[in-house]
PDB file of N, CA and C in Angstrom:
ATOM      1  N   MET A   1     130.739 121.666  84.648  1.00  0.00           N
ATOM      2  CA  MET A   1     132.034 121.210  84.218  1.00  0.00           C
ATOM      3  C   MET A   1     131.932 120.825  82.738  1.00  0.00           C
ATOM      4  N   ALA A   2     132.799 121.364  81.937  1.00  0.00           N
ATOM      5  CA  ALA A   2     132.777 121.113  80.496  1.00  0.00           C
ATOM      6  C   ALA A   2     133.334 119.732  80.174  1.00  0.00           C
ATOM      7  N   GLU A   3     132.819 119.172  79.117  1.00  0.00           N
ATOM      8  CA  GLU A   3     133.329 117.881  78.651  1.00  0.00           C
ATOM      9  C   GLU A   3     134.722 118.059  78.059  1.00  0.00           C
ATOM     10  N   PRO A   4     135.672 117.186  78.388  1.00  0.00           N
ATOM     11  CA  PRO A   4     136.989 117.265  77.745  1.00  0.00           C
ATOM     12  C   PRO A   4     136.859 117.010  76.239  1.00  0.00           C
ATOM     13  N   ASP A   5     137.685 117.681  75.468  1.00  0.00           N
ATOM     14  CA  ASP A   5     137.697 117.530  74.020  1.00  0.00           C
ATOM     15  C   ASP A   5     138.057 116.084  73.652  1.00  0.00           C
ATOM     16  N   PHE A   6     137.263 115.460  72.761  1.00  0.00           N
ATOM     17  CA  PHE A   6     137.487 114.063  72.392  1.00  0.00           C
ATOM     18  C   PHE A   6     138.893 113.822  71.874  1.00  0.00           C
ATOM     19  N   TYR A   7     139.388 114.721  71.033  1.00  0.00           N
ATOM     20  CA  TYR A   7     140.699 114.497  70.420  1.00  0.00           C
ATOM     21  C   TYR A   7     141.816 114.598  71.447  1.00  0.00           C
ATOM     22  N   LYS A   8     141.651 115.458  72.431  1.00  0.00           N
ATOM     23  CA  LYS A   8     142.638 115.538  73.509  1.00  0.00           C
ATOM     24  C   LYS A   8     142.591 114.269  74.363  1.00  0.00           C
ATOM     25  N   VAL A   9     141.394 113.782  74.632  1.00  0.00           N
ATOM     26  CA  VAL A   9     141.249 112.546  75.409  1.00  0.00           C
ATOM     27  C   VAL A   9     141.835 111.376  74.629  1.00  0.00           C
ATOM     28  N   ASP A  10     141.581 111.324  73.323  1.00  0.00           N
ATOM     29  CA  ASP A  10     142.114 110.238  72.506  1.00  0.00           C
ATOM     30  C   ASP A  10     143.643 110.279  72.476  1.00  0.00           C
ATOM     31  N   GLU A  11     144.220 111.476  72.375  1.00  0.00           N
ATOM     32  CA  GLU A  11     145.681 111.612  72.388  1.00  0.00           C
ATOM     33  C   GLU A  11     146.241 111.208  73.754  1.00  0.00           C
ATOM     34  N   ALA A  12     145.570 111.613  74.820  1.00  0.00           N
ATOM     35  CA  ALA A  12     146.003 111.204  76.157  1.00  0.00           C
ATOM     36  C   ALA A  12     145.913 109.684  76.300  1.00  0.00           C
ATOM     37  N   ALA A  13     144.878 109.084  75.737  1.00  0.00           N
ATOM     38  CA  ALA A  13     144.723 107.629  75.783  1.00  0.00           C
ATOM     39  C   ALA A  13     145.874 106.945  75.041  1.00  0.00           C
ATOM     40  N   ARG A  14     146.241 107.475  73.886  1.00  0.00           N
ATOM     41  CA  ARG A  14     147.363 106.904  73.122  1.00  0.00           C
ATOM     42  C   ARG A  14     148.650 106.991  73.936  1.00  0.00           C
ATOM     43  N   ARG A  15     148.846 108.109  74.600  1.00  0.00           N
ATOM     44  CA  ARG A  15     150.059 108.276  75.406  1.00  0.00           C
ATOM     45  C   ARG A  15     150.056 107.359  76.624  1.00  0.00           C
ATOM     46  N   LEU A  16     148.898 107.154  77.251  1.00  0.00           N
ATOM     47  CA  LEU A  16     148.814 106.203  78.363  1.00  0.00           C
ATOM     48  C   LEU A  16     149.156 104.793  77.892  1.00  0.00           C
ATOM     49  N   CYS A  17     148.621 104.416  76.755  1.00  0.00           N
ATOM     50  CA  CYS A  17     148.909 103.101  76.193  1.00  0.00           C
ATOM     51  C   CYS A  17     150.399 102.985  75.888  1.00  0.00           C
ATOM     52  N   SER A  18     150.990 104.024  75.318  1.00  0.00           N
ATOM     53  CA  SER A  18     152.427 104.028  75.030  1.00  0.00           C
ATOM     54  C   SER A  18     153.222 103.832  76.310  1.00  0.00           C
ATOM     55  N   TYR A  19     152.822 104.527  77.356  1.00  0.00           N
ATOM     56  CA  TYR A  19     153.505 104.394  78.644  1.00  0.00           C
ATOM     57  C   TYR A  19     153.414 102.953  79.152  1.00  0.00           C
ATOM     58  N   ASP A  20     152.214 102.377  79.101  1.00  0.00           N
ATOM     59  CA  ASP A  20     152.026 100.996  79.556  1.00  0.00           C
ATOM     60  C   ASP A  20     152.835 100.004  78.724  1.00  0.00           C
ATOM     61  N   GLN A  21     152.938 100.244  77.423  1.00  0.00           N
ATOM     62  CA  GLN A  21     153.662  99.336  76.530  1.00  0.00           C
ATOM     63  C   GLN A  21     155.173  99.525  76.607  1.00  0.00           C
ATOM     64  N   GLY A  22     155.618 100.693  77.104  1.00  0.00           N
ATOM     65  CA  GLY A  22     157.042 100.960  77.223  1.00  0.00           C
ATOM     66  C   GLY A  22     157.681 101.496  75.958  1.00  0.00           C
ATOM     67  N   HIS A  23     156.874 101.896  74.981  1.00  0.00           N
ATOM     68  CA  HIS A  23     157.385 102.493  73.750  1.00  0.00           C
ATOM     69  C   HIS A  23     156.288 103.340  73.124  1.00  0.00           C
ATOM     70  N   ASP A  24     156.716 104.289  72.278  1.00  0.00           N
ATOM     71  CA  ASP A  24     155.744 105.177  71.641  1.00  0.00           C
ATOM     72  C   ASP A  24     154.904 104.410  70.626  1.00  0.00           C
ATOM     73  N   ILE A  25     153.618 104.675  70.655  1.00  0.00           N
ATOM     74  CA  ILE A  25     152.702 104.113  69.668  1.00  0.00           C
ATOM     75  C   ILE A  25     152.333 105.262  68.732  1.00  0.00           C
ATOM     76  N   ALA A  26     152.705 105.127  67.486  1.00  0.00           N
ATOM     77  CA  ALA A  26     152.438 106.174  66.497  1.00  0.00           C
ATOM     78  C   ALA A  26     150.933 106.390  66.350  1.00  0.00           C
ATOM     79  N   PRO A  27     150.521 107.638  66.091  1.00  0.00           N
ATOM     80  CA  PRO A  27     149.089 107.919  65.939  1.00  0.00           C
ATOM     81  C   PRO A  27     148.393 107.042  64.896  1.00  0.00           C
ATOM     82  N   GLU A  28     149.090 106.769  63.781  1.00  0.00           N
ATOM     83  CA  GLU A  28     148.450 105.932  62.750  1.00  0.00           C
ATOM     84  C   GLU A  28     148.311 104.476  63.202  1.00  0.00           C
ATOM     85  N   VAL A  29     149.246 103.994  64.006  1.00  0.00           N
ATOM     86  CA  VAL A  29     149.136 102.643  64.565  1.00  0.00           C
ATOM     87  C   VAL A  29     147.986 102.603  65.572  1.00  0.00           C
ATOM     88  N   TRP A  30     147.913 103.643  66.403  1.00  0.00           N
ATOM     89  CA  TRP A  30     146.823 103.739  67.376  1.00  0.00           C
ATOM     90  C   TRP A  30     145.474 103.720  66.664  1.00  0.00           C
ATOM     91  N   ALA A  31     145.347 104.498  65.602  1.00  0.00           N
ATOM     92  CA  ALA A  31     144.071 104.623  64.897  1.00  0.00           C
ATOM     93  C   ALA A  31     143.713 103.387  64.084  1.00  0.00           C
ATOM     94  N   ASN A  32     144.718 102.711  63.509  1.00  0.00           N
ATOM     95  CA  ASN A  32     144.412 101.629  62.565  1.00  0.00           C
ATOM     96  C   ASN A  32     144.664 100.220  63.081  1.00  0.00           C
ATOM     97  N   ASP A  33     145.583 100.059  64.021  1.00  0.00           N
ATOM     98  CA  ASP A  33     145.969  98.705  64.431  1.00  0.00           C
ATOM     99  C   ASP A  33     145.621  98.346  65.865  1.00  0.00           C
ATOM    100  N   THR A  34     145.214  99.320  66.661  1.00  0.00           N
ATOM    101  CA  THR A  34     144.848  99.043  68.048  1.00  0.00           C
ATOM    102  C   THR A  34     143.352  98.748  68.093  1.00  0.00           C
ATOM    103  N   PRO A  35     142.964  97.623  68.694  1.00  0.00           N
ATOM    104  CA  PRO A  35     141.536  97.281  68.740  1.00  0.00           C
ATOM    105  C   PRO A  35     140.711  98.380  69.419  1.00  0.00           C
ATOM    106  N   GLU A  36     139.527  98.610  68.919  1.00  0.00           N
ATOM    107  CA  GLU A  36     138.646  99.645  69.461  1.00  0.00           C
ATOM    108  C   GLU A  36     138.371  99.425  70.942  1.00  0.00           C
ATOM    109  N   SER A  37     138.215  98.188  71.363  1.00  0.00           N
ATOM    110  CA  SER A  37     137.945  97.924  72.780  1.00  0.00           C
ATOM    111  C   SER A  37     139.109  98.392  73.660  1.00  0.00           C
ATOM    112  N   GLU A  38     140.334  98.180  73.205  1.00  0.00           N
ATOM    113  CA  GLU A  38     141.502  98.633  73.956  1.00  0.00           C
ATOM    114  C   GLU A  38     141.584 100.159  73.955  1.00  0.00           C
ATOM    115  N   ARG A  39     141.315 100.770  72.812  1.00  0.00           N
ATOM    116  CA  ARG A  39     141.343 102.237  72.738  1.00  0.00           C
ATOM    117  C   ARG A  39     140.295 102.826  73.667  1.00  0.00           C
ATOM    118  N   GLN A  40     139.105 102.203  73.731  1.00  0.00           N
ATOM    119  CA  GLN A  40     138.028 102.711  74.583  1.00  0.00           C
ATOM    120  C   GLN A  40     138.406 102.604  76.056  1.00  0.00           C
ATOM    121  N   GLU A  41     139.080 101.534  76.451  1.00  0.00           N
ATOM    122  CA  GLU A  41     139.535 101.411  77.842  1.00  0.00           C
ATOM    123  C   GLU A  41     140.487 102.543  78.199  1.00  0.00           C
ATOM    124  N   TYR A  42     141.438 102.823  77.320  1.00  0.00           N
ATOM    125  CA  TYR A  42     142.393 103.898  77.586  1.00  0.00           C
ATOM    126  C   TYR A  42     141.719 105.273  77.539  1.00  0.00           C
ATOM    127  N   ARG A  43     140.728 105.450  76.652  1.00  0.00           N
ATOM    128  CA  ARG A  43     139.990 106.718  76.622  1.00  0.00           C
ATOM    129  C   ARG A  43     139.252 106.940  77.934  1.00  0.00           C
ATOM    130  N   SER A  44     138.640 105.882  78.462  1.00  0.00           N
ATOM    131  CA  SER A  44     137.922 105.999  79.733  1.00  0.00           C
ATOM    132  C   SER A  44     138.872 106.411  80.851  1.00  0.00           C
ATOM    133  N   GLU A  45     140.036 105.802  80.895  1.00  0.00           N
ATOM    134  CA  GLU A  45     141.027 106.139  81.911  1.00  0.00           C
ATOM    135  C   GLU A  45     141.500 107.583  81.733  1.00  0.00           C
ATOM    136  N   ALA A  46     141.784 107.986  80.505  1.00  0.00           N
ATOM    137  CA  ALA A  46     142.234 109.350  80.236  1.00  0.00           C
ATOM    138  C   ALA A  46     141.143 110.362  80.596  1.00  0.00           C
ATOM    139  N   TYR A  47     139.901 110.020  80.316  1.00  0.00           N
ATOM    140  CA  TYR A  47     138.777 110.893  80.643  1.00  0.00           C
ATOM    141  C   TYR A  47     138.682 111.088  82.154  1.00  0.00           C
ATOM    142  N   ARG A  48     138.825 110.004  82.912  1.00  0.00           N
ATOM    143  CA  ARG A  48     138.800 110.106  84.374  1.00  0.00           C
ATOM    144  C   ARG A  48     139.928 111.004  84.871  1.00  0.00           C
ATOM    145  N   PHE A  49     141.120 110.837  84.323  1.00  0.00           N
ATOM    146  CA  PHE A  49     142.250 111.690  84.701  1.00  0.00           C
ATOM    147  C   PHE A  49     141.944 113.161  84.401  1.00  0.00           C
ATOM    148  N   ALA A  50     141.330 113.422  83.250  1.00  0.00           N
ATOM    149  CA  ALA A  50     141.006 114.798  82.871  1.00  0.00           C
ATOM    150  C   ALA A  50     139.998 115.407  83.841  1.00  0.00           C
ATOM    151  N   LEU A  51     138.999 114.638  84.244  1.00  0.00           N
ATOM    152  CA  LEU A  51     138.008 115.141  85.194  1.00  0.00           C
ATOM    153  C   LEU A  51     138.640 115.406  86.555  1.00  0.00           C
ATOM    154  N   VAL A  52     139.490 114.515  87.015  1.00  0.00           N
ATOM    155  CA  VAL A  52     140.171 114.716  88.299  1.00  0.00           C
ATOM    156  C   VAL A  52     141.040 115.963  88.237  1.00  0.00           C
ATOM    157  N   ALA A  53     141.775 116.136  87.157  1.00  0.00           N
ATOM    158  CA  ALA A  53     142.631 117.312  87.005  1.00  0.00           C
ATOM    159  C   ALA A  53     141.802 118.587  87.022  1.00  0.00           C
ATOM    160  N   GLU A  54     140.661 118.568  86.361  1.00  0.00           N
ATOM    161  CA  GLU A  54     139.808 119.752  86.334  1.00  0.00           C
ATOM    162  C   GLU A  54     139.287 120.081  87.728  1.00  0.00           C
ATOM    163  N   VAL A  55     138.850 119.073  88.462  1.00  0.00           N
ATOM    164  CA  VAL A  55     138.360 119.296  89.824  1.00  0.00           C
ATOM    165  C   VAL A  55     139.484 119.818  90.717  1.00  0.00           C
ATOM    166  N   MET A  56     140.653 119.217  90.611  1.00  0.00           N
ATOM    167  CA  MET A  56     141.786 119.640  91.434  1.00  0.00           C
ATOM    168  C   MET A  56     142.200 121.078  91.107  1.00  0.00           C
ATOM    169  N   ASN A  57     142.107 121.474  89.848  1.00  0.00           N
ATOM    170  CA  ASN A  57     142.465 122.833  89.461  1.00  0.00           C
ATOM    171  C   ASN A  57     141.412 123.857  89.868  1.00  0.00           C
ATOM    172  N   SER A  58     140.159 123.447  89.924  1.00  0.00           N
ATOM    173  CA  SER A  58     139.103 124.394  90.259  1.00  0.00           C
ATOM    174  C   SER A  58     138.838 124.492  91.755  1.00  0.00           C
ATOM    175  N   HIS A  59     139.271 123.483  92.518  1.00  0.00           N
ATOM    176  CA  HIS A  59     139.063 123.463  93.969  1.00  0.00           C
ATOM    177  C   HIS A  59     140.370 123.153  94.681  1.00  0.00           C
ATOM    178  N   PRO A  60     141.251 124.140  94.778  1.00  0.00           N
ATOM    179  CA  PRO A  60     142.531 123.858  95.438  1.00  0.00           C
ATOM    180  C   PRO A  60     142.332 123.455  96.895  1.00  0.00           C
ATOM    181  N   LEU A  61     143.178 122.575  97.345  1.00  0.00           N
ATOM    182  CA  LEU A  61     143.084 122.096  98.733  1.00  0.00           C
ATOM    183  C   LEU A  61     143.620 123.111  99.694  1.00  0.00           C
TER     184      LEU A  61
END
């Protein structure tokens, strides 16, 4: 199983955070004003989602 692209995972993490916050978080705000620890939590969640999606797509039920 290939590793998900970091930039795609980071973008997915920004979108997850935006969803949780209830408003869009601009990429520059995400990169410069969001604490690294918070970004890493969302990246981990996005990475897990990406792995689940890959497994579900490669092994249909």
